[in-house]
Amino acid sequence: MLNNIGLPGLLLIAVVVLVLFGRGKISSLMGEVGKGITAFKRGVKDGSEESDELDDKTGDTAKDVTPHDEKDKV
């Protein structure tokens, strides 16, 4: 369905949105979207750094957490 929208259709949609919301509202909305994307990227970066720090502290080895009773059965 969206494949049939050409350049004239997109321009018409842009004009309607501009008339409905006004230039100032769209500008502030895009600013908020940009801030949200930046915050998301910063959070992902901080999360990966935190994960790396935890791996360094605990080491990359796996711990055996099987109960003693289960170990005897095998």
PDB file of N, CA and C in Angstrom:
ATOM      1  N   MET A   1       0.816  -1.187   0.000  1.00  0.00           N
ATOM      2  CA  MET A   1       0.000   0.000   0.000  1.00  0.00           C
ATOM      3  C   MET A   1       0.865   1.259   0.000  1.00  0.00           C
ATOM      4  N   LEU A   2       1.904   1.269   0.833  1.00  0.00           N
ATOM      5  CA  LEU A   2       2.765   2.446   0.893  1.00  0.00           C
ATOM      6  C   LEU A   2       3.673   2.563  -0.324  1.00  0.00           C
ATOM      7  N   ASN A   3       3.818   1.509  -1.086  1.00  0.00           N
ATOM      8  CA  ASN A   3       4.647   1.565  -2.287  1.00  0.00           C
ATOM      9  C   ASN A   3       4.037   2.471  -3.354  1.00  0.00           C
ATOM     10  N   ASN A   4       2.728   2.702  -3.290  1.00  0.00           N
ATOM     11  CA  ASN A   4       2.054   3.509  -4.288  1.00  0.00           C
ATOM     12  C   ASN A   4       2.143   5.006  -4.004  1.00  0.00           C
ATOM     13  N   ILE A   5       2.634   5.405  -2.845  1.00  0.00           N
ATOM     14  CA  ILE A   5       2.757   6.823  -2.519  1.00  0.00           C
ATOM     15  C   ILE A   5       4.027   7.341  -3.191  1.00  0.00           C
ATOM     16  N   GLY A   6       3.854   8.276  -4.087  1.00  0.00           N
ATOM     17  CA  GLY A   6       4.995   8.857  -4.788  1.00  0.00           C
ATOM     18  C   GLY A   6       5.391  10.181  -4.169  1.00  0.00           C
ATOM     19  N   LEU A   7       6.218  10.908  -4.870  1.00  0.00           N
ATOM     20  CA  LEU A   7       6.685  12.206  -4.402  1.00  0.00           C
ATOM     21  C   LEU A   7       5.526  13.185  -4.223  1.00  0.00           C
ATOM     22  N   PRO A   8       4.582  13.267  -5.150  1.00  0.00           N
ATOM     23  CA  PRO A   8       3.456  14.199  -4.935  1.00  0.00           C
ATOM     24  C   PRO A   8       2.636  13.854  -3.686  1.00  0.00           C
ATOM     25  N   GLY A   9       2.444  12.573  -3.417  1.00  0.00           N
ATOM     26  CA  GLY A   9       1.704  12.170  -2.229  1.00  0.00           C
ATOM     27  C   GLY A   9       2.425  12.549  -0.953  1.00  0.00           C
ATOM     28  N   LEU A  10       3.739  12.346  -0.930  1.00  0.00           N
ATOM     29  CA  LEU A  10       4.528  12.718   0.248  1.00  0.00           C
ATOM     30  C   LEU A  10       4.514  14.223   0.469  1.00  0.00           C
ATOM     31  N   LEU A  11       4.593  14.990  -0.618  1.00  0.00           N
ATOM     32  CA  LEU A  11       4.548  16.448  -0.493  1.00  0.00           C
ATOM     33  C   LEU A  11       3.189  16.901   0.041  1.00  0.00           C
ATOM     34  N   LEU A  12       2.122  16.295  -0.426  1.00  0.00           N
ATOM     35  CA  LEU A  12       0.789  16.639   0.061  1.00  0.00           C
ATOM     36  C   LEU A  12       0.651  16.337   1.550  1.00  0.00           C
ATOM     37  N   ILE A  13       1.170  15.184   1.982  1.00  0.00           N
ATOM     38  CA  ILE A  13       1.128  14.824   3.409  1.00  0.00           C
ATOM     39  C   ILE A  13       1.939  15.821   4.225  1.00  0.00           C
ATOM     40  N   ALA A  14       3.113  16.217   3.728  1.00  0.00           N
ATOM     41  CA  ALA A  14       3.955  17.179   4.442  1.00  0.00           C
ATOM     42  C   ALA A  14       3.254  18.527   4.582  1.00  0.00           C
ATOM     43  N   VAL A  15       2.582  18.977   3.530  1.00  0.00           N
ATOM     44  CA  VAL A  15       1.873  20.259   3.582  1.00  0.00           C
ATOM     45  C   VAL A  15       0.723  20.193   4.584  1.00  0.00           C
ATOM     46  N   VAL A  16      -0.031  19.096   4.585  1.00  0.00           N
ATOM     47  CA  VAL A  16      -1.147  18.953   5.517  1.00  0.00           C
ATOM     48  C   VAL A  16      -0.638  18.950   6.959  1.00  0.00           C
ATOM     49  N   VAL A  17       0.434  18.242   7.229  1.00  0.00           N
ATOM     50  CA  VAL A  17       1.005  18.201   8.579  1.00  0.00           C
ATOM     51  C   VAL A  17       1.489  19.582   8.982  1.00  0.00           C
ATOM     52  N   LEU A  18       2.126  20.294   8.064  1.00  0.00           N
ATOM     53  CA  LEU A  18       2.625  21.641   8.348  1.00  0.00           C
ATOM     54  C   LEU A  18       1.475  22.593   8.655  1.00  0.00           C
ATOM     55  N   VAL A  19       0.380  22.486   7.919  1.00  0.00           N
ATOM     56  CA  VAL A  19      -0.775  23.354   8.158  1.00  0.00           C
ATOM     57  C   VAL A  19      -1.428  23.018   9.498  1.00  0.00           C
ATOM     58  N   LEU A  20      -1.548  21.745   9.813  1.00  0.00           N
ATOM     59  CA  LEU A  20      -2.216  21.344  11.047  1.00  0.00           C
ATOM     60  C   LEU A  20      -1.417  21.714  12.295  1.00  0.00           C
ATOM     61  N   PHE A  21      -0.133  21.477  12.284  1.00  0.00           N
ATOM     62  CA  PHE A  21       0.671  21.646  13.493  1.00  0.00           C
ATOM     63  C   PHE A  21       1.468  22.942  13.526  1.00  0.00           C
ATOM     64  N   GLY A  22       1.783  23.500  12.409  1.00  0.00           N
ATOM     65  CA  GLY A  22       2.589  24.712  12.384  1.00  0.00           C
ATOM     66  C   GLY A  22       4.075  24.403  12.448  1.00  0.00           C
ATOM     67  N   ARG A  23       4.863  25.354  11.955  1.00  0.00           N
ATOM     68  CA  ARG A  23       6.301  25.137  11.863  1.00  0.00           C
ATOM     69  C   ARG A  23       6.960  25.020  13.231  1.00  0.00           C
ATOM     70  N   GLY A  24       6.543  25.815  14.187  1.00  0.00           N
ATOM     71  CA  GLY A  24       7.157  25.806  15.519  1.00  0.00           C
ATOM     72  C   GLY A  24       6.934  24.503  16.254  1.00  0.00           C
ATOM     73  N   LYS A  25       5.729  23.963  16.137  1.00  0.00           N
ATOM     74  CA  LYS A  25       5.410  22.709  16.838  1.00  0.00           C
ATOM     75  C   LYS A  25       6.209  21.550  16.252  1.00  0.00           C
ATOM     76  N   ILE A  26       6.325  21.507  14.920  1.00  0.00           N
ATOM     77  CA  ILE A  26       7.088  20.432  14.274  1.00  0.00           C
ATOM     78  C   ILE A  26       8.565  20.541  14.636  1.00  0.00           C
ATOM     79  N   SER A  27       9.081  21.777  14.684  1.00  0.00           N
ATOM     80  CA  SER A  27      10.483  21.990  15.036  1.00  0.00           C
ATOM     81  C   SER A  27      10.767  21.510  16.458  1.00  0.00           C
ATOM     82  N   SER A  28       9.892  21.858  17.389  1.00  0.00           N
ATOM     83  CA  SER A  28      10.113  21.425  18.777  1.00  0.00           C
ATOM     84  C   SER A  28       9.956  19.915  18.913  1.00  0.00           C
ATOM     85  N   LEU A  29       9.030  19.335  18.148  1.00  0.00           N
ATOM     86  CA  LEU A  29       8.840  17.889  18.183  1.00  0.00           C
ATOM     87  C   LEU A  29      10.084  17.164  17.671  1.00  0.00           C
ATOM     88  N   MET A  30      10.669  17.652  16.593  1.00  0.00           N
ATOM     89  CA  MET A  30      11.884  17.035  16.053  1.00  0.00           C
ATOM     90  C   MET A  30      13.058  17.200  17.021  1.00  0.00           C
ATOM     91  N   GLY A  31      13.095  18.320  17.737  1.00  0.00           N
ATOM     92  CA  GLY A  31      14.135  18.511  18.754  1.00  0.00           C
ATOM     93  C   GLY A  31      14.013  17.483  19.866  1.00  0.00           C
ATOM     94  N   GLU A  32      12.786  17.214  20.280  1.00  0.00           N
ATOM     95  CA  GLU A  32      12.561  16.213  21.325  1.00  0.00           C
ATOM     96  C   GLU A  32      12.911  14.810  20.836  1.00  0.00           C
ATOM     97  N   VAL A  33      12.603  14.523  19.580  1.00  0.00           N
ATOM     98  CA  VAL A  33      12.967  13.219  19.008  1.00  0.00           C
ATOM     99  C   VAL A  33      14.490  13.070  18.997  1.00  0.00           C
ATOM    100  N   GLY A  34      15.195  14.125  18.616  1.00  0.00           N
ATOM    101  CA  GLY A  34      16.662  14.095  18.605  1.00  0.00           C
ATOM    102  C   GLY A  34      17.234  13.869  19.994  1.00  0.00           C
ATOM    103  N   LYS A  35      16.656  14.536  20.994  1.00  0.00           N
ATOM    104  CA  LYS A  35      17.125  14.345  22.371  1.00  0.00           C
ATOM    105  C   LYS A  35      16.875  12.915  22.835  1.00  0.00           C
ATOM    106  N   GLY A  36      15.740  12.364  22.437  1.00  0.00           N
ATOM    107  CA  GLY A  36      15.430  10.986  22.812  1.00  0.00           C
ATOM    108  C   GLY A  36      16.398   9.990  22.198  1.00  0.00           C
ATOM    109  N   ILE A  37      16.734  10.198  20.926  1.00  0.00           N
ATOM    110  CA  ILE A  37      17.691   9.312  20.252  1.00  0.00           C
ATOM    111  C   ILE A  37      19.056   9.410  20.912  1.00  0.00           C
ATOM    112  N   THR A  38      19.471  10.634  21.245  1.00  0.00           N
ATOM    113  CA  THR A  38      20.767  10.828  21.902  1.00  0.00           C
ATOM    114  C   THR A  38      20.791  10.148  23.264  1.00  0.00           C
ATOM    115  N   ALA A  39      19.718  10.283  24.027  1.00  0.00           N
ATOM    116  CA  ALA A  39      19.652   9.643  25.341  1.00  0.00           C
ATOM    117  C   ALA A  39      19.668   8.125  25.208  1.00  0.00           C
ATOM    118  N   PHE A  40      18.986   7.598  24.197  1.00  0.00           N
ATOM    119  CA  PHE A  40      18.980   6.157  23.972  1.00  0.00           C
ATOM    120  C   PHE A  40      20.377   5.651  23.645  1.00  0.00           C
ATOM    121  N   LYS A  41      21.080   6.345  22.753  1.00  0.00           N
ATOM    122  CA  LYS A  41      22.437   5.938  22.395  1.00  0.00           C
ATOM    123  C   LYS A  41      23.360   5.996  23.607  1.00  0.00           C
ATOM    124  N   ARG A  42      23.213   7.036  24.422  1.00  0.00           N
ATOM    125  CA  ARG A  42      24.048   7.164  25.614  1.00  0.00           C
ATOM    126  C   ARG A  42      23.760   6.027  26.595  1.00  0.00           C
ATOM    127  N   GLY A  43      22.495   5.664  26.738  1.00  0.00           N
ATOM    128  CA  GLY A  43      22.126   4.568  27.624  1.00  0.00           C
ATOM    129  C   GLY A  43      22.668   3.237  27.156  1.00  0.00           C
ATOM    130  N   VAL A  44      22.620   2.998  25.841  1.00  0.00           N
ATOM    131  CA  VAL A  44      23.166   1.753  25.297  1.00  0.00           C
ATOM    132  C   VAL A  44      24.666   1.697  25.524  1.00  0.00           C
ATOM    133  N   LYS A  45      25.333   2.822  25.308  1.00  0.00           N
ATOM    134  CA  LYS A  45      26.790   2.869  25.499  1.00  0.00           C
ATOM    135  C   LYS A  45      27.144   2.630  26.972  1.00  0.00           C
ATOM    136  N   ASP A  46      26.422   3.289  27.881  1.00  0.00           N
ATOM    137  CA  ASP A  46      26.685   3.112  29.312  1.00  0.00           C
ATOM    138  C   ASP A  46      26.396   1.679  29.750  1.00  0.00           C
ATOM    139  N   GLY A  47      25.351   1.087  29.200  1.00  0.00           N
ATOM    140  CA  GLY A  47      25.016  -0.291  29.545  1.00  0.00           C
ATOM    141  C   GLY A  47      26.080  -1.270  29.095  1.00  0.00           C
ATOM    142  N   SER A  48      26.634  -1.060  27.908  1.00  0.00           N
ATOM    143  CA  SER A  48      27.675  -1.970  27.425  1.00  0.00           C
ATOM    144  C   SER A  48      28.960  -1.787  28.219  1.00  0.00           C
ATOM    145  N   GLU A  49      29.269  -0.547  28.603  1.00  0.00           N
ATOM    146  CA  GLU A  49      30.460  -0.319  29.429  1.00  0.00           C
ATOM    147  C   GLU A  49      30.290  -0.959  30.806  1.00  0.00           C
ATOM    148  N   GLU A  50      29.083  -0.857  31.364  1.00  0.00           N
ATOM    149  CA  GLU A  50      28.811  -1.461  32.667  1.00  0.00           C
ATOM    150  C   GLU A  50      28.916  -2.982  32.585  1.00  0.00           C
ATOM    151  N   SER A  51      28.431  -3.540  31.491  1.00  0.00           N
ATOM    152  CA  SER A  51      28.510  -4.983  31.292  1.00  0.00           C
ATOM    153  C   SER A  51      29.965  -5.429  31.190  1.00  0.00           C
ATOM    154  N   ASP A  52      30.784  -4.642  30.480  1.00  0.00           N
ATOM    155  CA  ASP A  52      32.203  -4.971  30.361  1.00  0.00           C
ATOM    156  C   ASP A  52      32.894  -4.916  31.715  1.00  0.00           C
ATOM    157  N   GLU A  53      32.526  -3.923  32.542  1.00  0.00           N
ATOM    158  CA  GLU A  53      33.126  -3.818  33.865  1.00  0.00           C
ATOM    159  C   GLU A  53      32.746  -5.014  34.733  1.00  0.00           C
ATOM    160  N   LEU A  54      31.506  -5.453  34.645  1.00  0.00           N
ATOM    161  CA  LEU A  54      31.081  -6.611  35.430  1.00  0.00           C
ATOM    162  C   LEU A  54      31.798  -7.873  34.978  1.00  0.00           C
ATOM    163  N   ASP A  55      32.001  -8.020  33.659  1.00  0.00           N
ATOM    164  CA  ASP A  55      32.729  -9.182  33.151  1.00  0.00           C
ATOM    165  C   ASP A  55      34.167  -9.183  33.647  1.00  0.00           C
ATOM    166  N   ASP A  56      34.780  -7.995  33.714  1.00  0.00           N
ATOM    167  CA  ASP A  56      36.157  -7.911  34.185  1.00  0.00           C
ATOM    168  C   ASP A  56      36.248  -8.268  35.673  1.00  0.00           C
ATOM    169  N   LYS A  57      35.256  -7.865  36.449  1.00  0.00           N
ATOM    170  CA  LYS A  57      35.288  -8.131  37.892  1.00  0.00           C
ATOM    171  C   LYS A  57      35.024  -9.595  38.199  1.00  0.00           C
ATOM    172  N   THR A  58      34.069 -10.195  37.511  1.00  0.00           N
ATOM    173  CA  THR A  58      33.696 -11.565  37.826  1.00  0.00           C
ATOM    174  C   THR A  58      34.478 -12.579  37.020  1.00  0.00           C
ATOM    175  N   GLY A  59      35.106 -12.158  35.954  1.00  0.00           N
ATOM    176  CA  GLY A  59      35.813 -13.089  35.082  1.00  0.00           C
ATOM    177  C   GLY A  59      34.848 -13.706  34.098  1.00  0.00           C
ATOM    178  N   ASP A  60      35.369 -14.331  33.080  1.00  0.00           N
ATOM    179  CA  ASP A  60      34.528 -14.910  32.046  1.00  0.00           C
ATOM    180  C   ASP A  60      34.220 -16.379  32.291  1.00  0.00           C
ATOM    181  N   THR A  61      34.602 -16.905  33.456  1.00  0.00           N
ATOM    182  CA  THR A  61      34.374 -18.317  33.726  1.00  0.00           C
ATOM    183  C   THR A  61      32.963 -18.533  34.242  1.00  0.00           C
ATOM    184  N   ALA A  62      32.379 -19.654  33.888  1.00  0.00           N
ATOM    185  CA  ALA A  62      31.029 -19.998  34.341  1.00  0.00           C
ATOM    186  C   ALA A  62      31.127 -20.757  35.655  1.00  0.00           C
ATOM    187  N   LYS A  63      30.172 -20.516  36.519  1.00  0.00           N
ATOM    188  CA  LYS A  63      30.136 -21.202  37.802  1.00  0.00           C
ATOM    189  C   LYS A  63      29.126 -22.340  37.734  1.00  0.00           C
ATOM    190  N   ASP A  64      29.449 -23.444  38.365  1.00  0.00           N
ATOM    191  CA  ASP A  64      28.544 -24.588  38.428  1.00  0.00           C
ATOM    192  C   ASP A  64      27.611 -24.379  39.614  1.00  0.00           C
ATOM    193  N   VAL A  65      26.326 -24.189  39.320  1.00  0.00           N
ATOM    194  CA  VAL A  65      25.356 -23.928  40.377  1.00  0.00           C
ATOM    195  C   VAL A  65      24.400 -25.107  40.556  1.00  0.00           C
ATOM    196  N   THR A  66      24.778 -26.282  40.053  1.00  0.00           N
ATOM    197  CA  THR A  66      23.949 -27.474  40.190  1.00  0.00           C
ATOM    198  C   THR A  66      23.941 -27.918  41.651  1.00  0.00           C
ATOM    199  N   PRO A  67      22.773 -28.217  42.216  1.00  0.00           N
ATOM    200  CA  PRO A  67      22.726 -28.699  43.603  1.00  0.00           C
ATOM    201  C   PRO A  67      23.528 -30.000  43.758  1.00  0.00           C
ATOM    202  N   HIS A  68      24.052 -30.244  44.951  1.00  0.00           N
ATOM    203  CA  HIS A  68      24.887 -31.412  45.199  1.00  0.00           C
ATOM    204  C   HIS A  68      24.128 -32.715  44.948  1.00  0.00           C
ATOM    205  N   ASP A  69      22.842 -32.739  45.256  1.00  0.00           N
ATOM    206  CA  ASP A  69      22.049 -33.956  45.047  1.00  0.00           C
ATOM    207  C   ASP A  69      21.969 -34.298  43.562  1.00  0.00           C
ATOM    208  N   GLU A  70      21.857 -33.315  42.722  1.00  0.00           N
ATOM    209  CA  GLU A  70      21.748 -33.544  41.273  1.00  0.00           C
ATOM    210  C   GLU A  70      23.081 -34.023  40.698  1.00  0.00           C
ATOM    211  N   LYS A  71      24.193 -33.576  41.244  1.00  0.00           N
ATOM    212  CA  LYS A  71      25.513 -33.983  40.753  1.00  0.00           C
ATOM    213  C   LYS A  71      25.722 -35.485  40.979  1.00  0.00           C
ATOM    214  N   ASP A  72      25.215 -36.011  42.091  1.00  0.00           N
ATOM    215  CA  ASP A  72      25.397 -37.424  42.419  1.00  0.00           C
ATOM    216  C   ASP A  72      24.637 -38.330  41.463  1.00  0.00           C
ATOM    217  N   LYS A  73      23.517 -37.877  40.920  1.00  0.00           N
ATOM    218  CA  LYS A  73      22.703 -38.690  40.035  1.00  0.00           C
ATOM    219  C   LYS A  73      23.354 -38.912  38.690  1.00  0.00           C
ATOM    220  N   VAL A  74      24.177 -38.011  38.243  1.00  0.00           N
ATOM    221  CA  VAL A  74      24.785 -38.118  36.922  1.00  0.00           C
ATOM    222  C   VAL A  74      25.935 -38.997  36.919  1.00  0.00           C
TER     223      VAL A  74
END
